[in-house]
Amino acid sequence: MKKQRLTGRIGGLGLAAAMTAGMLGTSAADIELNQAFIDRSIALRQLADVRLDLHYTVFGLSAELTAAQVAEARARARVAAEAAKMAEATRLYRTGRTDTTALIQFENDGRLAELLADQQTIELARRLTEADIVRGAYWNEIGQTPAAPGVQP
């Protein structure tokens, strides 16, 4: 009576089954076949988990991209509005109807709007780069294809 021990992992739990060939009427081939089915089931569950994670990653990134595009467009519109205010303040200053302090304040507001718009542009570029990474766009640049974790090309 030969005793065989099967071990596998399902999630974080260990699966250990000691089977005795002959006593249970199973052969070593049946035991290996059962282990292969368990391994296949584990692999399919892991694949489903990866697909679900990828789905949520792409969905979240898509929402972030949309929000970043809207924020950048609003920031650029604010820059245009501040430029119009500055032009009006300059016109009023030249006619003597406002003072230098107001002119400087409008100029500061315009510079701040430009800075915020540039920050939004950088944020949008960062999100677009994240999307490229998720799509695997950079693998083509380095001449490789993405490998599974733990697998060396």
Foldseek 3Di string as FASTA:
>chain_A
DDKDWDWDDADPDIDIDIDDDPVVPDDPVVVVVVNVVVVVVRVVVVVVVVVVVLVVVVVVLVVQLVVLVVQLVVLVVQLVVLVVVLVVVVVCVVVVNDDPVVNVVSVVSNVVSVVSSVVSVVSNVVSVVVVCVSVVVCCVVVVHHDDDPPDDD
